[in-house]
Protein backbone atom coordinates (compact mmCIF):
# COMPACT_ATOMS: atom_id res chain seq x y z
CA UNK A 1 100.01 105.93 114.60
CA UNK A 2 102.77 104.96 112.16
CA UNK A 3 105.67 102.51 112.45
CA UNK A 4 107.71 103.98 109.59
CA UNK A 5 110.54 101.56 108.73
CA UNK A 6 111.19 100.25 112.23
CA UNK A 7 110.19 96.78 113.42
CA UNK A 8 108.88 97.99 116.78
CA UNK A 9 106.95 101.17 117.47
CA UNK A 10 107.96 102.73 120.77
CA UNK A 11 104.71 103.57 122.50
CA UNK A 12 103.44 103.41 126.07
CA UNK A 13 101.10 100.70 127.23
CA UNK A 14 97.52 101.37 126.21
CA UNK A 15 94.38 100.12 127.89
CA UNK A 16 92.70 98.32 125.01
CA UNK A 17 89.29 98.32 126.65
CA UNK A 18 89.03 102.14 126.62
CA UNK A 19 89.87 102.73 122.95
CA UNK A 20 87.07 103.81 120.64
CA UNK A 21 89.08 104.40 117.45
CA UNK A 22 92.50 103.07 116.39
CA UNK A 23 94.56 103.65 113.23
CA UNK A 24 97.93 101.94 112.66
CA UNK A 25 100.08 102.36 109.53
CA UNK A 26 103.21 100.57 108.22
CA UNK A 27 102.55 97.73 110.67
CA UNK A 28 104.99 94.79 110.47
CA UNK A 29 103.27 91.53 109.56
CA UNK A 30 104.68 89.94 112.74
CA UNK A 31 103.49 92.73 115.05
CA UNK A 32 102.61 91.31 118.48
CA UNK A 33 100.32 94.05 119.85
CA UNK A 34 102.28 94.09 123.11
CA UNK A 35 101.42 97.69 124.12
CA UNK A 36 97.75 96.67 124.20
CA UNK A 37 98.18 93.34 125.98
CA UNK A 38 96.05 92.67 129.04
CA UNK A 39 96.32 88.89 129.02
CA UNK A 40 98.68 86.21 127.84
CA UNK A 41 95.99 84.72 125.60
CA UNK A 42 93.91 87.59 124.23
CA UNK A 43 93.54 91.34 123.96
CA UNK A 44 90.03 92.66 124.39
CA UNK A 45 89.19 95.86 122.48
CA UNK A 46 85.77 95.90 124.09
CA UNK A 47 84.87 99.53 123.21
CA UNK A 48 86.56 99.86 119.81
CA UNK A 49 84.22 101.03 117.04
CA UNK A 50 86.67 101.91 114.22
CA UNK A 51 89.91 100.14 113.28
CA UNK A 52 92.29 100.87 110.39
CA UNK A 53 95.39 98.71 109.92
CA UNK A 54 97.84 99.18 107.06
CA UNK A 55 100.56 96.53 106.84
CA UNK A 56 103.90 96.90 105.10
CA UNK A 57 105.93 94.34 103.21
CA UNK A 58 108.82 92.71 105.01
CA UNK A 59 112.21 93.24 103.39
CA UNK A 60 113.76 89.92 102.23
CA UNK A 61 116.75 90.51 104.50
CA UNK A 62 114.41 90.82 107.50
CA UNK A 63 112.64 87.47 107.95
CA UNK A 64 109.49 87.37 110.00
CA UNK A 65 109.96 86.57 113.64
CA UNK A 66 107.37 84.25 115.21
CA UNK A 67 104.53 86.35 116.58
CA UNK A 68 103.25 85.70 120.08
CA UNK A 69 100.10 83.60 120.00
CA UNK A 70 97.42 86.10 120.87
CA UNK A 71 93.77 86.52 119.92
CA UNK A 72 92.39 90.02 119.35
CA UNK A 73 88.76 90.53 120.27
CA UNK A 74 86.63 93.26 118.69
CA UNK A 75 83.09 92.68 120.01
CA UNK A 76 81.83 96.19 119.14
CA UNK A 77 83.67 96.91 115.88
CA UNK A 78 81.61 98.81 113.28
CA UNK A 79 84.20 100.10 110.80
CA UNK A 80 87.14 97.96 109.67
CA UNK A 81 89.75 98.98 107.09
CA UNK A 82 92.62 96.59 106.33
CA UNK A 83 95.39 97.14 103.77
CA UNK A 84 98.07 94.49 103.22
CA UNK A 85 100.46 94.22 100.25
CA UNK A 86 101.42 90.62 101.05
CA UNK A 87 99.45 87.39 100.96
CA UNK A 88 98.43 87.38 104.60
CA UNK A 89 95.97 89.33 106.77
CA UNK A 90 97.16 88.86 110.38
CA UNK A 91 94.46 91.15 111.78
CA UNK A 92 91.73 88.91 110.38
CA UNK A 93 93.47 85.59 110.93
CA UNK A 94 94.10 86.32 114.61
CA UNK A 95 90.90 88.13 115.57
CA UNK A 96 87.40 87.50 116.82
CA UNK A 97 84.67 89.71 115.39
CA UNK A 98 80.99 90.19 116.24
CA UNK A 99 78.37 88.47 114.14
CA UNK A 100 77.73 91.73 112.26
CA UNK A 101 79.65 94.91 111.48
CA UNK A 102 78.60 98.09 109.73
CA UNK A 103 81.25 98.37 107.01
CA UNK A 104 84.52 96.81 105.91
CA UNK A 105 87.15 97.87 103.38
CA UNK A 106 89.88 95.46 102.26
CA UNK A 107 92.80 96.63 100.15
CA UNK A 108 95.40 94.12 98.95
CA UNK A 109 96.26 91.11 96.83
CA UNK A 110 93.56 88.84 95.48
CA UNK A 111 95.41 85.90 97.08
CA UNK A 112 94.37 87.25 100.47
CA UNK A 113 90.69 86.97 99.61
CA UNK A 114 91.25 83.43 98.37
CA UNK A 115 92.89 82.41 101.65
CA UNK A 116 90.36 83.96 104.02
CA UNK A 117 88.26 81.69 106.16
CA UNK A 118 84.97 83.46 105.57
CA UNK A 119 83.52 81.99 108.73
CA UNK A 120 85.93 84.24 110.65
CA UNK A 121 84.41 87.34 109.08
CA UNK A 122 81.33 89.10 110.41
CA UNK A 123 78.25 89.72 108.34
CA UNK A 124 78.99 93.03 106.67
CA UNK A 125 76.57 95.90 106.13
CA UNK A 126 78.62 97.70 103.45
CA UNK A 127 81.69 96.13 101.82
CA UNK A 128 84.27 97.73 99.53
CA UNK A 129 87.28 95.97 97.99
CA UNK A 130 90.37 97.16 96.15
CA UNK A 131 92.19 94.05 94.96
CA UNK A 132 95.34 93.40 92.94
CA UNK A 133 95.68 90.35 90.72
CA UNK A 134 99.31 89.64 89.77
CA UNK A 135 98.66 86.21 88.30
CA UNK A 136 95.78 86.30 85.84
CA UNK A 137 96.09 82.71 84.61
CA UNK A 138 93.25 81.52 86.81
CA UNK A 139 90.88 84.47 86.78
CA UNK A 140 87.90 82.21 87.43
CA UNK A 141 89.23 81.28 90.88
CA UNK A 142 89.73 84.96 91.66
CA UNK A 143 86.17 85.81 90.61
CA UNK A 144 84.78 83.00 92.77
CA UNK A 145 86.74 84.25 95.79
CA UNK A 146 85.44 87.80 95.33
CA UNK A 147 81.86 86.54 94.99
CA UNK A 148 82.18 84.46 98.15
CA UNK A 149 83.20 87.39 100.35
CA UNK A 150 80.72 89.78 98.73
CA UNK A 151 77.87 87.43 99.58
CA UNK A 152 78.61 88.09 103.25
CA UNK A 153 77.67 91.73 102.74
CA UNK A 154 74.21 93.26 102.63
CA UNK A 155 75.53 95.83 100.14
CA UNK A 156 78.74 96.30 98.19
CA UNK A 157 79.93 99.73 97.08
CA UNK A 158 83.16 99.76 95.07
CA UNK A 159 84.70 96.42 94.18
CA UNK A 160 87.83 97.27 92.19
CA UNK A 161 90.16 94.76 90.55
CA UNK A 162 93.60 95.68 89.19
CA UNK A 163 95.22 93.15 86.83
CA UNK A 164 98.94 93.43 86.03
CA UNK A 165 99.73 90.22 84.14
CA UNK A 166 97.54 89.63 81.10
CA UNK A 167 99.51 86.85 79.41
CA UNK A 168 97.28 83.89 78.65
CA UNK A 169 94.47 85.40 80.69
CA UNK A 170 91.33 83.27 80.68
CA UNK A 171 88.03 84.62 81.99
CA UNK A 172 85.24 82.15 82.66
CA UNK A 173 82.31 82.20 85.03
CA UNK A 174 80.70 85.39 86.32
CA UNK A 175 81.09 87.82 89.22
CA UNK A 176 78.07 90.14 89.67
CA UNK A 177 79.86 92.27 92.29
CA UNK A 178 82.88 93.82 90.54
CA UNK A 179 82.27 97.46 89.62
CA UNK A 180 85.72 98.60 88.41
CA UNK A 181 88.51 96.87 86.48
CA UNK A 182 91.90 98.38 85.69
CA UNK A 183 94.12 96.28 83.40
CA UNK A 184 97.70 97.52 83.45
CA UNK A 185 98.91 95.79 80.26
CA UNK A 186 97.56 95.56 76.71
CA UNK A 187 94.90 92.90 76.40
CA UNK A 188 93.25 91.05 73.52
CA UNK A 189 89.87 92.30 72.31
CA UNK A 190 88.27 88.90 72.93
CA UNK A 191 89.39 89.12 76.57
CA UNK A 192 87.80 92.56 76.93
CA UNK A 193 84.50 91.07 75.78
CA UNK A 194 84.89 88.14 78.17
CA UNK A 195 85.45 90.55 81.07
CA UNK A 196 82.36 92.59 80.20
CA UNK A 197 80.26 89.44 79.96
CA UNK A 198 81.62 88.02 83.22
CA UNK A 199 81.05 91.23 85.22
CA UNK A 200 77.53 92.53 84.55
CA UNK A 201 77.74 95.27 87.24
CA UNK A 202 80.94 96.77 85.82
CA UNK A 203 80.70 100.58 85.59
CA UNK A 204 84.33 101.55 84.95
CA UNK A 205 86.80 99.77 82.65
CA UNK A 206 90.38 101.01 82.25
CA UNK A 207 92.69 99.39 79.71
CA UNK A 208 96.37 99.97 78.95
CA UNK A 209 95.76 98.97 75.35
CA UNK A 210 93.74 96.68 73.09
CA UNK A 211 95.24 94.02 70.83
CA UNK A 212 93.02 93.29 67.82
CA UNK A 213 93.73 90.67 65.22
CA UNK A 214 92.09 90.84 61.78
CA UNK A 215 92.51 87.04 61.60
CA UNK A 216 90.18 86.69 64.60
CA UNK A 217 87.33 89.16 64.14
CA UNK A 218 85.22 89.97 67.18
CA UNK A 219 81.93 89.83 65.36
CA UNK A 220 79.37 88.41 65.89
CA UNK A 221 80.40 88.01 69.54
CA UNK A 222 77.77 89.57 71.76
CA UNK A 223 77.69 91.55 74.98
CA UNK A 224 75.10 91.40 77.76
CA UNK A 225 71.72 92.83 76.87
CA UNK A 226 72.22 95.37 79.65
CA UNK A 227 75.70 96.70 80.41
CA UNK A 228 76.29 99.20 83.21
CA UNK A 229 79.65 100.47 81.93
CA UNK A 230 79.71 104.26 82.12
CA UNK A 231 83.40 104.98 81.68
CA UNK A 232 85.80 103.33 79.23
CA UNK A 233 89.44 104.41 79.28
CA UNK A 234 92.16 103.14 76.96
CA UNK A 235 95.37 104.76 78.07
CA UNK A 236 98.88 103.67 78.96
CA UNK A 237 99.76 104.20 82.63
CA UNK A 238 103.41 104.93 81.86
CA UNK A 239 105.08 107.43 79.55
CA UNK A 240 104.98 104.87 76.74
CA UNK A 241 102.39 105.33 73.96
CA UNK A 242 99.11 103.52 74.35
CA UNK A 243 99.25 100.20 72.53
CA UNK A 244 96.16 99.91 70.41
CA UNK A 245 98.05 97.70 68.01
CA UNK A 246 101.06 95.42 68.25
CA UNK A 247 104.19 95.93 66.20
CA UNK A 248 103.60 92.43 64.86
CA UNK A 249 101.57 92.33 61.65
CA UNK A 250 99.05 90.06 63.38
CA UNK A 251 97.54 93.16 65.00
CA UNK A 252 95.76 95.95 63.18
CA UNK A 253 95.07 99.57 64.08
CA UNK A 254 91.97 99.53 61.85
CA UNK A 255 90.66 96.45 63.65
CA UNK A 256 91.10 98.19 67.00
CA UNK A 257 89.19 101.25 65.82
CA UNK A 258 86.41 98.93 64.57
CA UNK A 259 86.39 97.20 67.96
CA UNK A 260 85.96 100.50 69.82
CA UNK A 261 83.14 101.43 67.43
CA UNK A 262 81.52 98.07 68.24
CA UNK A 263 81.77 98.86 71.98
CA UNK A 264 80.19 102.29 71.45
CA UNK A 265 77.12 100.64 69.94
CA UNK A 266 76.78 97.93 72.57
CA UNK A 267 77.43 99.89 75.78
CA UNK A 268 74.16 101.85 76.03
CA UNK A 269 75.00 103.46 79.41
CA UNK A 270 78.46 104.63 78.42
CA UNK A 271 78.94 108.31 79.23
CA UNK A 272 82.72 108.78 78.74
CA UNK A 273 85.19 107.31 76.27
CA UNK A 274 88.73 108.43 77.01
CA UNK A 275 91.73 107.45 74.90
CA UNK A 276 94.91 109.00 73.55
CA UNK A 277 95.63 107.24 70.30
CA UNK A 278 92.44 106.22 68.55
CA UNK A 279 92.02 108.50 65.58
CA UNK A 280 89.50 111.21 66.31
CA UNK A 281 87.83 111.45 62.90
CA UNK A 282 86.64 107.84 62.36
CA UNK A 283 85.16 107.63 65.86
CA UNK A 284 83.27 110.94 65.70
CA UNK A 285 82.10 110.30 62.12
CA UNK A 286 80.91 106.82 63.10
CA UNK A 287 78.98 108.19 66.10
CA UNK A 288 77.22 110.83 63.94
CA UNK A 289 76.24 108.25 61.32
CA UNK A 290 74.81 105.81 63.89
CA UNK A 291 73.09 108.26 66.23
CA UNK A 292 69.59 107.79 64.77
CA UNK A 293 69.66 104.04 65.28
CA UNK A 294 71.62 104.26 68.55
CA UNK A 295 70.44 107.46 70.28
CA UNK A 296 72.56 106.81 73.38
CA UNK A 297 75.59 107.89 71.32
CA UNK A 298 74.47 111.50 71.77
CA UNK A 299 75.13 111.18 75.51
CA UNK A 300 78.72 109.93 75.23
CA UNK A 301 81.55 112.35 75.89
CA UNK A 302 84.31 111.49 73.42
CA UNK A 303 87.62 112.52 74.97
CA UNK A 304 89.98 111.61 72.13
CA UNK A 305 93.54 112.90 71.97
């Protein structure tokens, strides 16, 4: 059921106790769940097994109205999918869950994870996260928040982190749960190494560009003894060319090629390297020359354009 752009979805009253599956999209953040109400204090979804709620942002000209104080109860919930573009998860903040649930997927801003009271969440059988980080200045706090919620799960599948602001990004600490990182702006080579070191379970790394400075060589910086990265992509997400070097003289195309060659040697499980603007010849020649000492290079698909 979708709300579209309206504040209130016209729907008949529904007996919450008989529902087994419920999917709501474009839900206002101040939605009051009135069609499901069976009490002034709570709504009991006593038979509900699967719930999907996708919230929409509130337009600045439409301030939130105070929502009616109401607790939602999901004693039998097994599958929970929540997507919220803002910094608030009403469905979690205002709900009671069982001690355990089969799987949960959360899609939204990293700030939401940081604000969650984890004691409100059930123990999770299988957890997947797709998180957006707009402010990368305190990446360590973000990694700690992700680790905290992942520890409530028996297993985690995909834990994806998208980073949009890479200015002055600092990565410290570790997060053994993140499997995918997509950085939407060019990032310094030293930061790429810090990310790989901080996320030992990372299998997919997408970069909008690498900034390499010959004044600050990457060697002999090391990577983990075992890296799980299988796919490395260096490609701009817009129509602009991929930035493997900065227009400023402090950044060097040759240094960036050398950095990618360094990654090829030290990512033994890498199966795909995809990029648009690293020169084809030096990468392929380098791989052929090093293949006897680093036999894993024979298994890498070089998709260079």
